[in-house]
Amino acid sequence: MTSTFSVGDHVRWNSEAGHVQGRITKVHTEDVEFKGRTRHCSPQAPQYEIESDRTGHVAMHKGDALTKA
């Protein structure tokens, strides 16, 4: 089951460097180009842009990869 989140939610995800926390800045419900690749999104399977609290790095993840922090 896919979790749904909103802009401003504080979330946590697992990255190559370990667990990271950040805030959701955008919710994508249509296909979008992100860092040179097409990310497939839909209202039923949105993807979330998240800015890391620690580094400011922006990542995009599916809801299944995120948990509320």
PDB file of N, CA and C in Angstrom:
ATOM      1  N   MET A   1       0.843  -1.181   0.000  1.00  0.00           N
ATOM      2  CA  MET A   1       0.000   0.000   0.000  1.00  0.00           C
ATOM      3  C   MET A   1       0.889   1.246   0.000  1.00  0.00           C
ATOM      4  N   THR A   2       0.599   2.183  -0.879  1.00  0.00           N
ATOM      5  CA  THR A   2       1.391   3.396  -0.996  1.00  0.00           C
ATOM      6  C   THR A   2       0.920   4.428   0.014  1.00  0.00           C
ATOM      7  N   SER A   3       1.866   5.009   0.725  1.00  0.00           N
ATOM      8  CA  SER A   3       1.535   6.073   1.670  1.00  0.00           C
ATOM      9  C   SER A   3       1.414   7.376   0.908  1.00  0.00           C
ATOM     10  N   THR A   4       0.558   8.271   1.389  1.00  0.00           N
ATOM     11  CA  THR A   4       0.431   9.578   0.768  1.00  0.00           C
ATOM     12  C   THR A   4       0.903  10.640   1.739  1.00  0.00           C
ATOM     13  N   PHE A   5       1.593  11.625   1.196  1.00  0.00           N
ATOM     14  CA  PHE A   5       2.160  12.705   1.980  1.00  0.00           C
ATOM     15  C   PHE A   5       1.789  14.025   1.325  1.00  0.00           C
ATOM     16  N   SER A   6       2.007  15.120   2.040  1.00  0.00           N
ATOM     17  CA  SER A   6       1.688  16.454   1.546  1.00  0.00           C
ATOM     18  C   SER A   6       2.914  17.348   1.628  1.00  0.00           C
ATOM     19  N   VAL A   7       2.886  18.438   0.863  1.00  0.00           N
ATOM     20  CA  VAL A   7       3.958  19.429   0.933  1.00  0.00           C
ATOM     21  C   VAL A   7       4.081  19.899   2.377  1.00  0.00           C
ATOM     22  N   GLY A   8       5.310  19.961   2.859  1.00  0.00           N
ATOM     23  CA  GLY A   8       5.571  20.393   4.225  1.00  0.00           C
ATOM     24  C   GLY A   8       5.745  19.254   5.210  1.00  0.00           C
ATOM     25  N   ASP A   9       5.315  18.036   4.833  1.00  0.00           N
ATOM     26  CA  ASP A   9       5.492  16.891   5.730  1.00  0.00           C
ATOM     27  C   ASP A   9       6.977  16.609   5.944  1.00  0.00           C
ATOM     28  N   HIS A  10       7.332  16.269   7.157  1.00  0.00           N
ATOM     29  CA  HIS A  10       8.707  15.901   7.498  1.00  0.00           C
ATOM     30  C   HIS A  10       8.794  14.389   7.393  1.00  0.00           C
ATOM     31  N   VAL A  11       9.695  13.902   6.521  1.00  0.00           N
ATOM     32  CA  VAL A  11       9.778  12.469   6.246  1.00  0.00           C
ATOM     33  C   VAL A  11      11.212  11.969   6.395  1.00  0.00           C
ATOM     34  N   ARG A  12      11.338  10.646   6.384  1.00  0.00           N
ATOM     35  CA  ARG A  12      12.632   9.980   6.517  1.00  0.00           C
ATOM     36  C   ARG A  12      12.707   8.907   5.438  1.00  0.00           C
ATOM     37  N   TRP A  13      13.904   8.716   4.883  1.00  0.00           N
ATOM     38  CA  TRP A  13      14.116   7.663   3.896  1.00  0.00           C
ATOM     39  C   TRP A  13      15.518   7.124   4.020  1.00  0.00           C
ATOM     40  N   ASN A  14      15.739   5.967   3.445  1.00  0.00           N
ATOM     41  CA  ASN A  14      17.038   5.310   3.492  1.00  0.00           C
ATOM     42  C   ASN A  14      17.778   5.616   2.201  1.00  0.00           C
ATOM     43  N   SER A  15      18.971   6.184   2.321  1.00  0.00           N
ATOM     44  CA  SER A  15      19.787   6.481   1.139  1.00  0.00           C
ATOM     45  C   SER A  15      21.072   5.668   1.218  1.00  0.00           C
ATOM     46  N   GLU A  16      21.923   5.839   0.214  1.00  0.00           N
ATOM     47  CA  GLU A  16      23.209   5.138   0.212  1.00  0.00           C
ATOM     48  C   GLU A  16      24.053   5.535   1.415  1.00  0.00           C
ATOM     49  N   ALA A  17      23.837   6.748   1.918  1.00  0.00           N
ATOM     50  CA  ALA A  17      24.618   7.264   3.046  1.00  0.00           C
ATOM     51  C   ALA A  17      23.952   6.983   4.393  1.00  0.00           C
ATOM     52  N   GLY A  18      22.851   6.250   4.398  1.00  0.00           N
ATOM     53  CA  GLY A  18      22.130   5.967   5.640  1.00  0.00           C
ATOM     54  C   GLY A  18      20.785   6.668   5.640  1.00  0.00           C
ATOM     55  N   HIS A  19      20.167   6.768   6.793  1.00  0.00           N
ATOM     56  CA  HIS A  19      18.851   7.396   6.892  1.00  0.00           C
ATOM     57  C   HIS A  19      18.977   8.905   6.804  1.00  0.00           C
ATOM     58  N   VAL A  20      18.061   9.512   6.040  1.00  0.00           N
ATOM     59  CA  VAL A  20      18.052  10.950   5.802  1.00  0.00           C
ATOM     60  C   VAL A  20      16.659  11.466   6.143  1.00  0.00           C
ATOM     61  N   GLN A  21      16.602  12.691   6.650  1.00  0.00           N
ATOM     62  CA  GLN A  21      15.319  13.324   6.935  1.00  0.00           C
ATOM     63  C   GLN A  21      15.224  14.627   6.166  1.00  0.00           C
ATOM     64  N   GLY A  22      14.005  14.978   5.799  1.00  0.00           N
ATOM     65  CA  GLY A  22      13.796  16.226   5.081  1.00  0.00           C
ATOM     66  C   GLY A  22      12.327  16.563   4.986  1.00  0.00           C
ATOM     67  N   ARG A  23      12.044  17.659   4.287  1.00  0.00           N
ATOM     68  CA  ARG A  23      10.669  18.125   4.101  1.00  0.00           C
ATOM     69  C   ARG A  23      10.272  18.002   2.640  1.00  0.00           C
ATOM     70  N   ILE A  24       9.032  17.588   2.420  1.00  0.00           N
ATOM     71  CA  ILE A  24       8.503  17.480   1.069  1.00  0.00           C
ATOM     72  C   ILE A  24       8.257  18.887   0.534  1.00  0.00           C
ATOM     73  N   THR A  25       8.803  19.154  -0.672  1.00  0.00           N
ATOM     74  CA  THR A  25       8.647  20.471  -1.278  1.00  0.00           C
ATOM     75  C   THR A  25       7.677  20.455  -2.449  1.00  0.00           C
ATOM     76  N   LYS A  26       7.512  19.296  -3.107  1.00  0.00           N
ATOM     77  CA  LYS A  26       6.586  19.177  -4.238  1.00  0.00           C
ATOM     78  C   LYS A  26       6.037  17.762  -4.291  1.00  0.00           C
ATOM     79  N   VAL A  27       4.798  17.661  -4.769  1.00  0.00           N
ATOM     80  CA  VAL A  27       4.174  16.363  -5.010  1.00  0.00           C
ATOM     81  C   VAL A  27       3.887  16.294  -6.508  1.00  0.00           C
ATOM     82  N   HIS A  28       4.384  15.265  -7.177  1.00  0.00           N
ATOM     83  CA  HIS A  28       4.189  15.113  -8.617  1.00  0.00           C
ATOM     84  C   HIS A  28       3.184  14.007  -8.891  1.00  0.00           C
ATOM     85  N   THR A  29       2.152  14.333  -9.673  1.00  0.00           N
ATOM     86  CA  THR A  29       1.121  13.358 -10.036  1.00  0.00           C
ATOM     87  C   THR A  29       1.078  13.118 -11.542  1.00  0.00           C
ATOM     88  N   GLU A  30       2.008  13.731 -12.292  1.00  0.00           N
ATOM     89  CA  GLU A  30       2.153  13.496 -13.719  1.00  0.00           C
ATOM     90  C   GLU A  30       3.632  13.277 -13.998  1.00  0.00           C
ATOM     91  N   ASP A  31       3.944  12.577 -15.096  1.00  0.00           N
ATOM     92  CA  ASP A  31       5.338  12.320 -15.446  1.00  0.00           C
ATOM     93  C   ASP A  31       6.127  13.623 -15.447  1.00  0.00           C
ATOM     94  N   VAL A  32       7.369  13.548 -14.933  1.00  0.00           N
ATOM     95  CA  VAL A  32       8.196  14.742 -14.810  1.00  0.00           C
ATOM     96  C   VAL A  32       9.650  14.385 -15.095  1.00  0.00           C
ATOM     97  N   GLU A  33      10.376  15.336 -15.663  1.00  0.00           N
ATOM     98  CA  GLU A  33      11.814  15.187 -15.885  1.00  0.00           C
ATOM     99  C   GLU A  33      12.513  15.633 -14.608  1.00  0.00           C
ATOM    100  N   PHE A  34      13.347  14.768 -14.042  1.00  0.00           N
ATOM    101  CA  PHE A  34      14.055  15.086 -12.804  1.00  0.00           C
ATOM    102  C   PHE A  34      15.486  14.600 -12.927  1.00  0.00           C
ATOM    103  N   LYS A  35      16.415  15.537 -12.886  1.00  0.00           N
ATOM    104  CA  LYS A  35      17.845  15.234 -12.974  1.00  0.00           C
ATOM    105  C   LYS A  35      18.169  14.373 -14.199  1.00  0.00           C
ATOM    106  N   GLY A  36      17.585  14.761 -15.341  1.00  0.00           N
ATOM    107  CA  GLY A  36      17.899  14.104 -16.601  1.00  0.00           C
ATOM    108  C   GLY A  36      17.151  12.822 -16.894  1.00  0.00           C
ATOM    109  N   ARG A  37      16.231  12.441 -16.030  1.00  0.00           N
ATOM    110  CA  ARG A  37      15.466  11.203 -16.243  1.00  0.00           C
ATOM    111  C   ARG A  37      13.979  11.479 -16.099  1.00  0.00           C
ATOM    112  N   THR A  38      13.183  10.728 -16.847  1.00  0.00           N
ATOM    113  CA  THR A  38      11.737  10.844 -16.722  1.00  0.00           C
ATOM    114  C   THR A  38      11.276  10.004 -15.551  1.00  0.00           C
ATOM    115  N   ARG A  39      10.574  10.626 -14.628  1.00  0.00           N
ATOM    116  CA  ARG A  39       9.996   9.911 -13.486  1.00  0.00           C
ATOM    117  C   ARG A  39       8.510   9.732 -13.771  1.00  0.00           C
ATOM    118  N   HIS A  40       8.037   8.507 -13.701  1.00  0.00           N
ATOM    119  CA  HIS A  40       6.642   8.202 -14.008  1.00  0.00           C
ATOM    120  C   HIS A  40       5.802   8.340 -12.741  1.00  0.00           C
ATOM    121  N   CYS A  41       4.874   9.265 -12.789  1.00  0.00           N
ATOM    122  CA  CYS A  41       4.022   9.581 -11.630  1.00  0.00           C
ATOM    123  C   CYS A  41       2.567   9.592 -12.088  1.00  0.00           C
ATOM    124  N   SER A  42       1.669   9.386 -11.146  1.00  0.00           N
ATOM    125  CA  SER A  42       0.235   9.466 -11.420  1.00  0.00           C
ATOM    126  C   SER A  42      -0.461   9.839 -10.113  1.00  0.00           C
ATOM    127  N   PRO A  43      -1.731  10.217 -10.184  1.00  0.00           N
ATOM    128  CA  PRO A  43      -2.457  10.502  -8.933  1.00  0.00           C
ATOM    129  C   PRO A  43      -2.499   9.288  -7.994  1.00  0.00           C
ATOM    130  N   GLN A  44      -2.496   8.079  -8.567  1.00  0.00           N
ATOM    131  CA  GLN A  44      -2.516   6.864  -7.750  1.00  0.00           C
ATOM    132  C   GLN A  44      -1.125   6.493  -7.243  1.00  0.00           C
ATOM    133  N   ALA A  45      -0.086   6.966  -7.922  1.00  0.00           N
ATOM    134  CA  ALA A  45       1.296   6.656  -7.543  1.00  0.00           C
ATOM    135  C   ALA A  45       2.157   7.926  -7.661  1.00  0.00           C
ATOM    136  N   PRO A  46       1.925   8.892  -6.769  1.00  0.00           N
ATOM    137  CA  PRO A  46       2.703  10.131  -6.842  1.00  0.00           C
ATOM    138  C   PRO A  46       4.151   9.917  -6.418  1.00  0.00           C
ATOM    139  N   GLN A  47       4.998  10.854  -6.801  1.00  0.00           N
ATOM    140  CA  GLN A  47       6.372  10.876  -6.317  1.00  0.00           C
ATOM    141  C   GLN A  47       6.600  12.227  -5.656  1.00  0.00           C
ATOM    142  N   TYR A  48       7.513  12.241  -4.706  1.00  0.00           N
ATOM    143  CA  TYR A  48       7.699  13.395  -3.838  1.00  0.00           C
ATOM    144  C   TYR A  48       9.110  13.945  -3.946  1.00  0.00           C
ATOM    145  N   GLU A  49       9.222  15.269  -4.142  1.00  0.00           N
ATOM    146  CA  GLU A  49      10.517  15.943  -4.075  1.00  0.00           C
ATOM    147  C   GLU A  49      10.740  16.316  -2.622  1.00  0.00           C
ATOM    148  N   ILE A  50      11.903  15.969  -2.111  1.00  0.00           N
ATOM    149  CA  ILE A  50      12.210  16.196  -0.698  1.00  0.00           C
ATOM    150  C   ILE A  50      13.552  16.889  -0.592  1.00  0.00           C
ATOM    151  N   GLU A  51      13.621  17.922   0.252  1.00  0.00           N
ATOM    152  CA  GLU A  51      14.881  18.609   0.512  1.00  0.00           C
ATOM    153  C   GLU A  51      15.438  18.119   1.842  1.00  0.00           C
ATOM    154  N   SER A  52      16.666  17.625   1.811  1.00  0.00           N
ATOM    155  CA  SER A  52      17.324  17.108   3.005  1.00  0.00           C
ATOM    156  C   SER A  52      17.504  18.213   4.039  1.00  0.00           C
ATOM    157  N   ASP A  53      17.203  17.899   5.287  1.00  0.00           N
ATOM    158  CA  ASP A  53      17.407  18.863   6.383  1.00  0.00           C
ATOM    159  C   ASP A  53      18.876  19.204   6.559  1.00  0.00           C
ATOM    160  N   ARG A  54      19.723  18.226   6.398  1.00  0.00           N
ATOM    161  CA  ARG A  54      21.140  18.408   6.716  1.00  0.00           C
ATOM    162  C   ARG A  54      21.927  19.046   5.571  1.00  0.00           C
ATOM    163  N   THR A  55      21.702  18.573   4.331  1.00  0.00           N
ATOM    164  CA  THR A  55      22.549  19.023   3.223  1.00  0.00           C
ATOM    165  C   THR A  55      21.850  19.959   2.246  1.00  0.00           C
ATOM    166  N   GLY A  56      20.527  19.983   2.252  1.00  0.00           N
ATOM    167  CA  GLY A  56      19.794  20.777   1.271  1.00  0.00           C
ATOM    168  C   GLY A  56      19.642  20.082  -0.072  1.00  0.00           C
ATOM    169  N   HIS A  57      20.220  18.868  -0.197  1.00  0.00           N
ATOM    170  CA  HIS A  57      20.120  18.078  -1.427  1.00  0.00           C
ATOM    171  C   HIS A  57      18.647  17.751  -1.697  1.00  0.00           C
ATOM    172  N   VAL A  58      18.245  17.809  -2.968  1.00  0.00           N
ATOM    173  CA  VAL A  58      16.870  17.493  -3.343  1.00  0.00           C
ATOM    174  C   VAL A  58      16.841  16.101  -3.969  1.00  0.00           C
ATOM    175  N   ALA A  59      15.945  15.269  -3.464  1.00  0.00           N
ATOM    176  CA  ALA A  59      15.772  13.907  -3.967  1.00  0.00           C
ATOM    177  C   ALA A  59      14.303  13.708  -4.323  1.00  0.00           C
ATOM    178  N   MET A  60      14.029  12.677  -5.118  1.00  0.00           N
ATOM    179  CA  MET A  60      12.644  12.331  -5.439  1.00  0.00           C
ATOM    180  C   MET A  60      12.438  10.862  -5.119  1.00  0.00           C
ATOM    181  N   HIS A  61      11.342  10.567  -4.406  1.00  0.00           N
ATOM    182  CA  HIS A  61      11.048   9.193  -4.013  1.00  0.00           C
ATOM    183  C   HIS A  61       9.564   8.900  -4.129  1.00  0.00           C
ATOM    184  N   LYS A  62       9.273   7.610  -4.267  1.00  0.00           N
ATOM    185  CA  LYS A  62       7.895   7.134  -4.198  1.00  0.00           C
ATOM    186  C   LYS A  62       7.480   7.095  -2.724  1.00  0.00           C
ATOM    187  N   GLY A  63       6.198   7.104  -2.484  1.00  0.00           N
ATOM    188  CA  GLY A  63       5.683   7.078  -1.117  1.00  0.00           C
ATOM    189  C   GLY A  63       6.093   5.861  -0.328  1.00  0.00           C
ATOM    190  N   ASP A  64       6.279   4.712  -1.008  1.00  0.00           N
ATOM    191  CA  ASP A  64       6.678   3.487  -0.321  1.00  0.00           C
ATOM    192  C   ASP A  64       8.051   3.586   0.329  1.00  0.00           C
ATOM    193  N   ALA A  65       8.885   4.493  -0.172  1.00  0.00           N
ATOM    194  CA  ALA A  65      10.247   4.640   0.357  1.00  0.00           C
ATOM    195  C   ALA A  65      10.306   5.591   1.550  1.00  0.00           C
ATOM    196  N   LEU A  66       9.185   6.242   1.864  1.00  0.00           N
ATOM    197  CA  LEU A  66       9.177   7.280   2.901  1.00  0.00           C
ATOM    198  C   LEU A  66       8.389   6.861   4.131  1.00  0.00           C
ATOM    199  N   THR A  67       8.807   7.410   5.279  1.00  0.00           N
ATOM    200  CA  THR A  67       8.019   7.287   6.507  1.00  0.00           C
ATOM    201  C   THR A  67       7.978   8.671   7.149  1.00  0.00           C
ATOM    202  N   LYS A  68       6.919   8.944   7.882  1.00  0.00           N
ATOM    203  CA  LYS A  68       6.838  10.231   8.587  1.00  0.00           C
ATOM    204  C   LYS A  68       7.880  10.269   9.681  1.00  0.00           C
ATOM    205  N   ALA A  69       8.548  11.410   9.795  1.00  0.00           N
ATOM    206  CA  ALA A  69       9.597  11.565  10.797  1.00  0.00           C
ATOM    207  C   ALA A  69       9.037  12.246  12.040  1.00  0.00           C
TER     208      ALA A  69
END
